[in-house]
Every structure is written in structure tokens, then in C-alpha cells.
């Protein structure tokens, strides 16, 4: 009888969100092609008690949304299988009125419960682990990406920049736009610089900005990755992370995604980039106080940007892909949930 690993991903609406796809569905999908086990999504509590089930892996707030699961975990009736919980988001600094306040409160509640009841705990950064209740119980499993979904070898324009994200990034986009408002329109026109912002943003930005909404059918991974890769002709991607306590748990995910698309990365100096072994010293730092000038200077370095993009792409392909990352979630599942139970 093949062993069964049950998975319960956090979702955005009806589908698994980006975190769930990158840190759960993608590595599990790769594993089932090479291992003697079955991966099944948890849709009923009865699955937990079926013969051959070895583990339940879940992430973030998913346990709060599945009817009856939380009560089962808190009781003495949970079956004798491995229980794994994963998060790549930090919820230790929640400000009243913040756009993500409700979600972060739920994430904090889920973490408090799972730290006590899960026997396997993983997270994407040292910061999240070190600020947990029991850091010694956690393993840091950095983000990896399905390289093949992002592959984009097409020719890039060195004078164009790409940023993609969610509405929580609106403040940083607005700050960057205002920095360009201080540059004369004639200089901007002569430079041919442009910045494309991909996401559902609704802001009035400087004329060098173009906002592109993601088509509804491409909102979720892996379609989003394939769509953006085919859409993009930019040579450099932007990482604009506000320097706040809440963001100290961020990972270098955008660097990985830009690199997989054969792009260089420019961004503010932040632990998300500086603490990751793949991205540290591989991005072009821009000033938070004067980002417009730095980006205008950067577009003249087209050869340097192209070389950086090529090096980054090979680094991610060889060391940070779903399967090639020896310290990624694929190998964590293989070692801790599969090989020990076969």
C-alpha cells in the first residue's frame, strides 16, 4: 500500500495562494513524480484516520478555516501521524488600522496553536524563527521557486523596470512616483526611463509609470508566473520593501522570481535581500531618500545589468529551483515526511 501525505493549503478565495503554491503544492507535485507515496488534499476529517496516512502538512491560517480541524488538533483524538505547519509571514507586530490587521491577528492565533501541537515547524527566514515562542523547534526552509514556470529568455529593455505586488505595497509605489516628480519632465523624456507596475493598483502616478492589471484567469500561480514571464520585457525588477518591524520577516522571493525571468534586481537595502545567500551582493542598492536619481543612473549601466541578470538566472536555476535547492521544501518533505515513513 502506498503511503498518503495529506495537505491543506491556505487559499485566497477558491484557490491556493502564492505561498501555498510555492512552499507546498509545487514541491509536493515534484515529489509524487519520484516517490512511492500519494499526496491528497484534505477535504474531509475522515481522511486523517484512513490506513496509510503518514502526515498532514498545512500552512498559515488554513487550520482556522477547515471545519472541525482545529477542535480535533486541540483534543486527544488527533491521529498518531506527523503534523507539519509552515509559515513565511511574520505576525508579531500588528498595528491597529493596518490594512492586514485582521489577517495578521488570525495568523498569530494559528501560530500560537500550531507551535504547541505540530511536531514539525518550518518558516522561510531566521527572523520569524528567532521571534517565535520556541525557536529551537523550528527549521528555516528558505523559499524556492519552480524555475520552469518563470523562464523568460526574451530580449530585455535596459531602460524599463518592473514591479509587481499587492495593494499593501501602494505606499512604496507612491513614494517612488513622488521621487520622480522632483525630476524635470525634459530629463525624464530624454532618459526614456519607464516603470511598469503590475497589480490591482489604483493610484495617480508620474507619467513614466504604467499600471497593468493582472487578467482574472491569471491571478493565481502557476498561471500568474507564466503570464508575467511572457508579458515582461524588462531588464530589471524592483524590490521596494518598507523598513518596518513587520517586514523584517520578508524573504528574497521577488529576487528569485526576477532572476528566473532573466532579470537583474534593484531595491532598497533590506534583510529580505541582504540576509539571503543567493541575493546578498547580487542586487543593485538604491537609496530610500533619492531612488529616482539612482534608477536614472542605473539605466546607463545596461551591460552591467545584463551580466547581473544572466548570473542571477544561473544561480537560481542551479541552486534555488524547487528540486535543485538542497535546503528547500522539496527536500524537507522528502527527508522528514517521506523517507522516514517508507
Protein backbone atom coordinates (compact mmCIF):
# COMPACT_ATOMS: atom_id res chain seq x y z
CA UNK A 1 0.00 0.00 0.00
CA UNK A 2 1.30 3.44 -0.94
CA UNK A 3 1.64 5.90 1.92
CA UNK A 4 -0.50 9.05 1.83
CA UNK A 5 0.53 12.58 2.73
CA UNK A 6 -2.41 14.93 3.26
CA UNK A 7 -2.04 18.62 2.54
CA UNK A 8 -4.19 21.61 3.46
CA UNK A 9 -3.15 24.86 1.76
CA UNK A 10 -4.15 28.37 2.74
CA UNK A 11 -6.31 29.81 -0.02
CA UNK A 12 -7.24 33.17 -1.47
CA UNK A 13 -10.82 32.64 -2.49
CA UNK A 14 -11.24 29.21 -4.09
CA UNK A 15 -7.58 28.58 -4.95
CA UNK A 16 -4.30 28.11 -3.12
CA UNK A 17 -2.41 31.37 -2.73
CA UNK A 18 1.17 32.08 -3.79
CA UNK A 19 2.70 30.91 -0.50
CA UNK A 20 0.82 27.63 -0.67
CA UNK A 21 1.81 27.01 -4.26
CA UNK A 22 5.50 27.79 -3.82
CA UNK A 23 6.06 26.16 -0.44
CA UNK A 24 3.58 23.27 -0.61
CA UNK A 25 1.92 22.41 -3.91
CA UNK A 26 4.92 22.81 -6.19
CA UNK A 27 7.33 20.69 -4.11
CA UNK A 28 4.67 18.05 -3.45
CA UNK A 29 3.84 17.89 -7.15
CA UNK A 30 7.50 17.32 -7.93
CA UNK A 31 7.81 14.69 -5.21
CA UNK A 32 4.94 12.49 -6.32
CA UNK A 33 6.67 12.03 -9.66
CA UNK A 34 9.67 10.43 -7.99
CA UNK A 35 8.46 8.89 -4.73
CA UNK A 36 6.30 5.97 -3.69
CA UNK A 37 3.58 7.94 -1.97
CA UNK A 38 0.33 9.75 -2.69
CA UNK A 39 -0.41 13.40 -1.95
CA UNK A 40 -4.09 14.21 -1.33
CA UNK A 41 -5.73 17.49 -0.40
CA UNK A 42 -7.62 17.31 2.88
CA UNK A 43 -11.31 17.69 2.14
CA UNK A 44 -12.75 15.61 4.99
CA UNK A 45 -11.60 14.86 8.53
CA UNK A 46 -12.21 11.16 7.87
CA UNK A 47 -9.15 11.12 5.61
CA UNK A 48 -6.92 11.62 8.65
CA UNK A 49 -7.91 8.22 10.02
CA UNK A 50 -7.52 6.15 6.86
CA UNK A 51 -4.84 3.42 6.71
CA UNK A 52 -1.57 4.53 5.16
CA UNK A 53 -1.85 8.21 6.06
CA UNK A 54 1.52 9.35 7.41
CA UNK A 55 1.19 13.12 7.82
CA UNK A 56 -0.78 16.32 7.44
CA UNK A 57 1.07 19.37 6.15
CA UNK A 58 -0.61 22.76 6.32
CA UNK A 59 0.34 26.42 6.40
CA UNK A 60 -0.53 29.84 7.76
CA UNK A 61 -4.22 30.20 8.66
CA UNK A 62 -5.59 27.15 6.82
CA UNK A 63 -6.34 25.24 10.06
CA UNK A 64 -8.67 28.03 11.17
CA UNK A 65 -10.81 27.73 8.04
CA UNK A 66 -11.32 23.95 7.90
CA UNK A 67 -14.46 22.92 9.84
CA UNK A 68 -13.66 20.77 12.86
CA UNK A 69 -9.90 20.51 12.27
CA UNK A 70 -8.83 22.93 14.98
CA UNK A 71 -11.01 21.19 17.58
CA UNK A 72 -9.51 17.85 16.57
CA UNK A 73 -5.95 19.15 16.90
CA UNK A 74 -6.69 20.60 20.34
CA UNK A 75 -8.27 17.35 21.53
CA UNK A 76 -6.72 13.98 22.32
CA UNK A 77 -8.44 12.45 19.26
CA UNK A 78 -5.96 13.63 16.60
CA UNK A 79 -4.48 10.50 14.95
CA UNK A 80 -0.85 9.47 15.58
CA UNK A 81 0.53 10.98 12.38
CA UNK A 82 3.03 13.75 11.76
CA UNK A 83 1.60 17.28 11.86
CA UNK A 84 3.58 19.89 9.96
CA UNK A 85 2.89 23.64 9.92
CA UNK A 86 4.65 26.21 7.75
CA UNK A 87 4.62 30.00 7.53
CA UNK A 88 6.55 32.59 5.57
CA UNK A 89 4.89 35.62 7.12
CA UNK A 90 5.57 37.45 10.39
CA UNK A 91 2.66 38.44 12.62
CA UNK A 92 4.43 39.73 15.71
CA UNK A 93 3.84 43.44 15.09
CA UNK A 94 0.21 44.27 14.41
CA UNK A 95 -0.73 47.94 14.23
CA UNK A 96 -4.34 48.99 14.70
CA UNK A 97 -5.89 50.04 11.43
CA UNK A 98 -3.23 48.40 9.29
CA UNK A 99 -4.54 47.01 6.01
CA UNK A 100 -3.64 43.45 7.02
CA UNK A 101 -4.62 43.76 10.69
CA UNK A 102 -7.37 41.13 10.63
CA UNK A 103 -5.30 38.61 8.70
CA UNK A 104 -2.24 39.07 10.92
CA UNK A 105 -4.34 38.55 14.03
CA UNK A 106 -5.60 35.25 12.60
CA UNK A 107 -2.08 34.23 11.60
CA UNK A 108 -0.83 34.99 15.11
CA UNK A 109 -3.62 32.86 16.59
CA UNK A 110 -2.84 29.98 14.24
CA UNK A 111 0.86 30.13 15.05
CA UNK A 112 0.25 30.11 18.81
CA UNK A 113 -1.77 26.91 18.45
CA UNK A 114 0.45 25.13 15.96
CA UNK A 115 3.65 25.89 17.88
CA UNK A 116 2.20 23.81 20.70
CA UNK A 117 0.64 20.97 18.72
CA UNK A 118 2.59 20.47 15.49
CA UNK A 119 5.65 18.26 15.74
CA UNK A 120 7.27 19.81 12.65
CA UNK A 121 7.54 23.60 12.22
CA UNK A 122 9.09 25.42 9.27
CA UNK A 123 9.47 29.03 8.21
CA UNK A 124 11.22 30.97 5.47
CA UNK A 125 13.51 33.28 7.46
CA UNK A 126 15.64 33.32 10.58
CA UNK A 127 13.78 36.40 11.81
CA UNK A 128 10.45 34.57 12.02
CA UNK A 129 12.08 31.59 13.73
CA UNK A 130 14.02 33.72 16.22
CA UNK A 131 10.88 35.64 17.19
CA UNK A 132 8.77 32.55 17.79
CA UNK A 133 7.85 31.07 21.18
CA UNK A 134 10.31 28.17 20.87
CA UNK A 135 12.93 28.92 18.17
CA UNK A 136 14.77 25.62 18.72
CA UNK A 137 11.76 23.69 17.41
CA UNK A 138 11.76 25.44 14.03
CA UNK A 139 13.61 24.69 10.81
CA UNK A 140 14.37 27.54 8.40
CA UNK A 141 13.43 26.37 4.91
CA UNK A 142 14.07 29.22 2.50
CA UNK A 143 11.77 29.90 -0.42
CA UNK A 144 12.49 28.07 -3.66
CA UNK A 145 10.69 28.60 -6.95
CA UNK A 146 9.53 26.41 -9.84
CA UNK A 147 12.09 27.78 -12.27
CA UNK A 148 10.35 26.39 -15.32
CA UNK A 149 7.22 28.48 -14.67
CA UNK A 150 9.19 31.73 -14.71
CA UNK A 151 11.58 31.09 -17.59
CA UNK A 152 11.82 34.12 -19.91
CA UNK A 153 14.88 34.26 -22.19
CA UNK A 154 13.48 37.09 -24.33
CA UNK A 155 15.43 40.25 -25.05
CA UNK A 156 15.03 42.91 -22.37
CA UNK A 157 14.92 46.71 -22.44
CA UNK A 158 17.54 48.15 -20.02
CA UNK A 159 15.58 51.38 -19.57
CA UNK A 160 12.47 49.70 -18.20
CA UNK A 161 11.79 48.48 -14.66
CA UNK A 162 9.17 46.08 -13.38
CA UNK A 163 7.40 45.96 -10.04
CA UNK A 164 4.63 43.51 -9.20
CA UNK A 165 2.80 43.18 -5.93
CA UNK A 166 -0.33 43.72 -3.88
CA UNK A 167 -2.16 46.79 -2.59
CA UNK A 168 -0.11 46.66 0.62
CA UNK A 169 2.78 47.98 -1.50
CA UNK A 170 0.85 51.10 -2.54
CA UNK A 171 2.72 53.42 -0.18
CA UNK A 172 6.12 52.46 -1.56
CA UNK A 173 4.91 52.83 -5.15
CA UNK A 174 3.56 56.28 -4.29
CA UNK A 175 6.86 57.30 -2.65
CA UNK A 176 8.82 56.22 -5.71
CA UNK A 177 6.46 58.12 -8.01
CA UNK A 178 6.81 61.28 -5.93
CA UNK A 179 10.59 60.98 -6.14
CA UNK A 180 10.31 61.17 -9.93
CA UNK A 181 8.01 64.19 -9.62
CA UNK A 182 11.10 66.08 -8.48
CA UNK A 183 12.90 65.34 -11.77
CA UNK A 184 12.26 67.66 -14.71
CA UNK A 185 9.96 66.27 -17.38
CA UNK A 186 12.51 67.06 -20.09
CA UNK A 187 15.17 64.98 -18.35
CA UNK A 188 12.79 62.08 -17.87
CA UNK A 189 11.74 62.21 -21.50
CA UNK A 190 15.33 62.26 -22.68
CA UNK A 191 16.24 59.28 -20.47
CA UNK A 192 13.43 57.05 -21.86
CA UNK A 193 13.05 55.52 -18.41
CA UNK A 194 9.79 53.71 -17.65
CA UNK A 195 8.41 51.66 -14.78
CA UNK A 196 5.59 49.15 -15.12
CA UNK A 197 3.60 48.32 -12.01
CA UNK A 198 1.73 45.02 -12.26
CA UNK A 199 -1.13 44.52 -9.84
CA UNK A 200 -4.52 45.94 -8.96
CA UNK A 201 -3.28 49.41 -8.09
CA UNK A 202 -5.46 52.49 -8.36
CA UNK A 203 -3.18 55.48 -7.89
CA UNK A 204 -2.23 58.61 -9.76
CA UNK A 205 1.44 58.15 -10.61
CA UNK A 206 4.13 60.00 -12.52
CA UNK A 207 3.90 59.75 -16.31
CA UNK A 208 6.85 57.34 -16.51
CA UNK A 209 4.71 54.75 -14.71
CA UNK A 210 2.31 52.35 -16.40
CA UNK A 211 -0.10 50.22 -14.36
CA UNK A 212 -1.11 46.80 -15.65
CA UNK A 213 -3.87 44.77 -14.02
CA UNK A 214 -3.48 41.01 -13.98
CA UNK A 215 -6.18 39.25 -16.04
CA UNK A 216 -8.64 37.37 -13.84
CA UNK A 217 -7.71 33.99 -15.28
CA UNK A 218 -4.04 34.60 -14.41
CA UNK A 219 -4.41 35.77 -10.81
CA UNK A 220 -3.08 32.55 -9.28
CA UNK A 221 0.11 30.55 -9.54
CA UNK A 222 1.34 28.90 -11.71
CA UNK A 223 -0.60 30.78 -14.41
CA UNK A 224 0.48 34.12 -12.97
CA UNK A 225 4.16 33.18 -13.29
CA UNK A 226 3.76 32.06 -16.89
CA UNK A 227 1.68 35.12 -17.81
CA UNK A 228 4.11 37.63 -16.27
CA UNK A 229 7.12 35.90 -17.83
CA UNK A 230 5.55 36.12 -21.29
CA UNK A 231 4.42 39.69 -20.68
CA UNK A 232 7.68 41.13 -19.35
CA UNK A 233 10.35 42.79 -21.49
CA UNK A 234 12.07 44.49 -18.55
CA UNK A 235 15.72 44.02 -17.72
CA UNK A 236 15.45 45.00 -14.05
CA UNK A 237 12.93 44.23 -11.33
CA UNK A 238 12.31 46.43 -8.30
CA UNK A 239 12.15 45.28 -4.67
CA UNK A 240 10.56 48.07 -2.61
CA UNK A 241 10.15 46.92 0.98
CA UNK A 242 9.20 49.40 3.65
CA UNK A 243 11.68 49.34 6.52
CA UNK A 244 9.28 48.29 9.28
CA UNK A 245 9.32 45.68 12.03
CA UNK A 246 6.51 43.77 10.35
CA UNK A 247 8.56 43.44 7.16
CA UNK A 248 11.68 42.08 8.84
CA UNK A 249 10.35 38.58 8.27
CA UNK A 250 10.18 39.01 4.49
CA UNK A 251 12.13 36.64 2.27
CA UNK A 252 14.00 37.21 -1.01
CA UNK A 253 11.16 35.73 -3.05
CA UNK A 254 10.92 38.59 -5.55
CA UNK A 255 14.65 38.38 -6.19
CA UNK A 256 14.24 34.69 -7.02
CA UNK A 257 11.33 35.39 -9.35
CA UNK A 258 13.06 38.26 -11.17
CA UNK A 259 16.19 36.14 -11.55
CA UNK A 260 14.22 33.24 -13.00
CA UNK A 261 12.90 35.69 -15.62
CA UNK A 262 16.50 36.59 -16.56
CA UNK A 263 16.28 39.96 -14.84
CA UNK A 264 18.57 41.96 -12.61
CA UNK A 265 17.21 43.32 -9.32
CA UNK A 266 17.37 46.82 -7.87
CA UNK A 267 15.99 47.62 -4.44
CA UNK A 268 16.31 49.17 -1.03
CA UNK A 269 18.79 47.54 1.31
CA UNK A 270 16.66 45.23 3.44
CA UNK A 271 17.16 41.98 5.32
CA UNK A 272 14.95 40.22 2.76
CA UNK A 273 17.78 40.72 0.27
CA UNK A 274 20.88 41.10 2.41
CA UNK A 275 20.34 38.01 4.61
CA UNK A 276 19.63 35.54 1.82
CA UNK A 277 22.75 33.77 0.48
CA UNK A 278 21.53 33.95 -3.12
CA UNK A 279 20.53 37.61 -3.21
CA UNK A 280 23.14 39.18 -0.91
CA UNK A 281 25.59 41.22 -3.01
CA UNK A 282 23.62 40.36 -6.15
CA UNK A 283 21.24 43.32 -6.25
CA UNK A 284 21.74 46.99 -7.07
CA UNK A 285 21.05 49.08 -4.00
CA UNK A 286 19.01 52.25 -4.42
CA UNK A 287 18.55 54.95 -1.82
CA UNK A 288 15.25 55.27 0.03
CA UNK A 289 15.79 59.02 0.12
CA UNK A 290 16.67 59.50 -3.53
CA UNK A 291 15.59 56.44 -5.53
CA UNK A 292 14.77 58.35 -8.72
CA UNK A 293 18.35 59.56 -9.21
CA UNK A 294 19.73 56.11 -8.54
CA UNK A 295 17.44 54.48 -11.09
CA UNK A 296 18.24 57.14 -13.69
CA UNK A 297 21.94 56.42 -13.19
CA UNK A 298 21.36 52.68 -13.31
CA UNK A 299 19.79 52.59 -16.77
CA UNK A 300 23.09 53.72 -18.28
CA UNK A 301 24.72 50.53 -16.99
CA UNK A 302 22.99 48.24 -19.47
CA UNK A 303 25.94 45.84 -19.87
CA UNK A 304 26.36 45.52 -16.10
CA UNK A 305 22.63 44.92 -15.68
CA UNK A 306 22.63 42.27 -18.41
CA UNK A 307 25.57 40.44 -16.86
CA UNK A 308 23.89 40.54 -13.46
CA UNK A 309 20.67 39.17 -14.93
CA UNK A 310 22.49 36.26 -16.55
CA UNK A 311 24.44 35.41 -13.39
CA UNK A 312 21.33 35.60 -11.23
CA UNK A 313 19.39 33.35 -13.59
CA UNK A 314 22.05 30.64 -13.47
CA UNK A 315 22.32 30.91 -9.67
CA UNK A 316 18.59 30.41 -9.19
CA UNK A 317 18.34 27.69 -11.81
CA UNK A 318 21.17 25.69 -10.24
CA UNK A 319 20.56 26.31 -6.55
CA UNK A 320 17.09 27.67 -5.77
CA UNK A 321 14.68 25.79 -8.02
CA UNK A 322 12.02 23.57 -6.45
CA UNK A 323 14.18 20.45 -6.83
CA UNK A 324 17.69 21.96 -7.12
CA UNK A 325 17.50 23.74 -3.76
CA UNK A 326 19.06 21.21 -1.39
CA UNK A 327 17.73 23.12 1.63
CA UNK A 328 14.28 23.84 0.18
CA UNK A 329 10.83 22.46 0.97
CA UNK A 330 11.08 19.66 -1.60
CA UNK A 331 13.97 18.07 0.26
CA UNK A 332 12.39 18.84 3.64
CA UNK A 333 9.30 16.86 2.66
CA UNK A 334 11.42 14.09 1.20
CA UNK A 335 13.60 13.70 4.30
CA UNK A 336 11.15 14.39 7.13
CA UNK A 337 7.79 13.14 5.84
CA UNK A 338 8.52 10.61 3.10
CA UNK A 339 11.74 8.69 3.62
CA UNK A 340 11.13 8.18 7.35
CA UNK A 341 7.77 6.58 6.64
CA UNK A 342 8.52 4.31 3.68
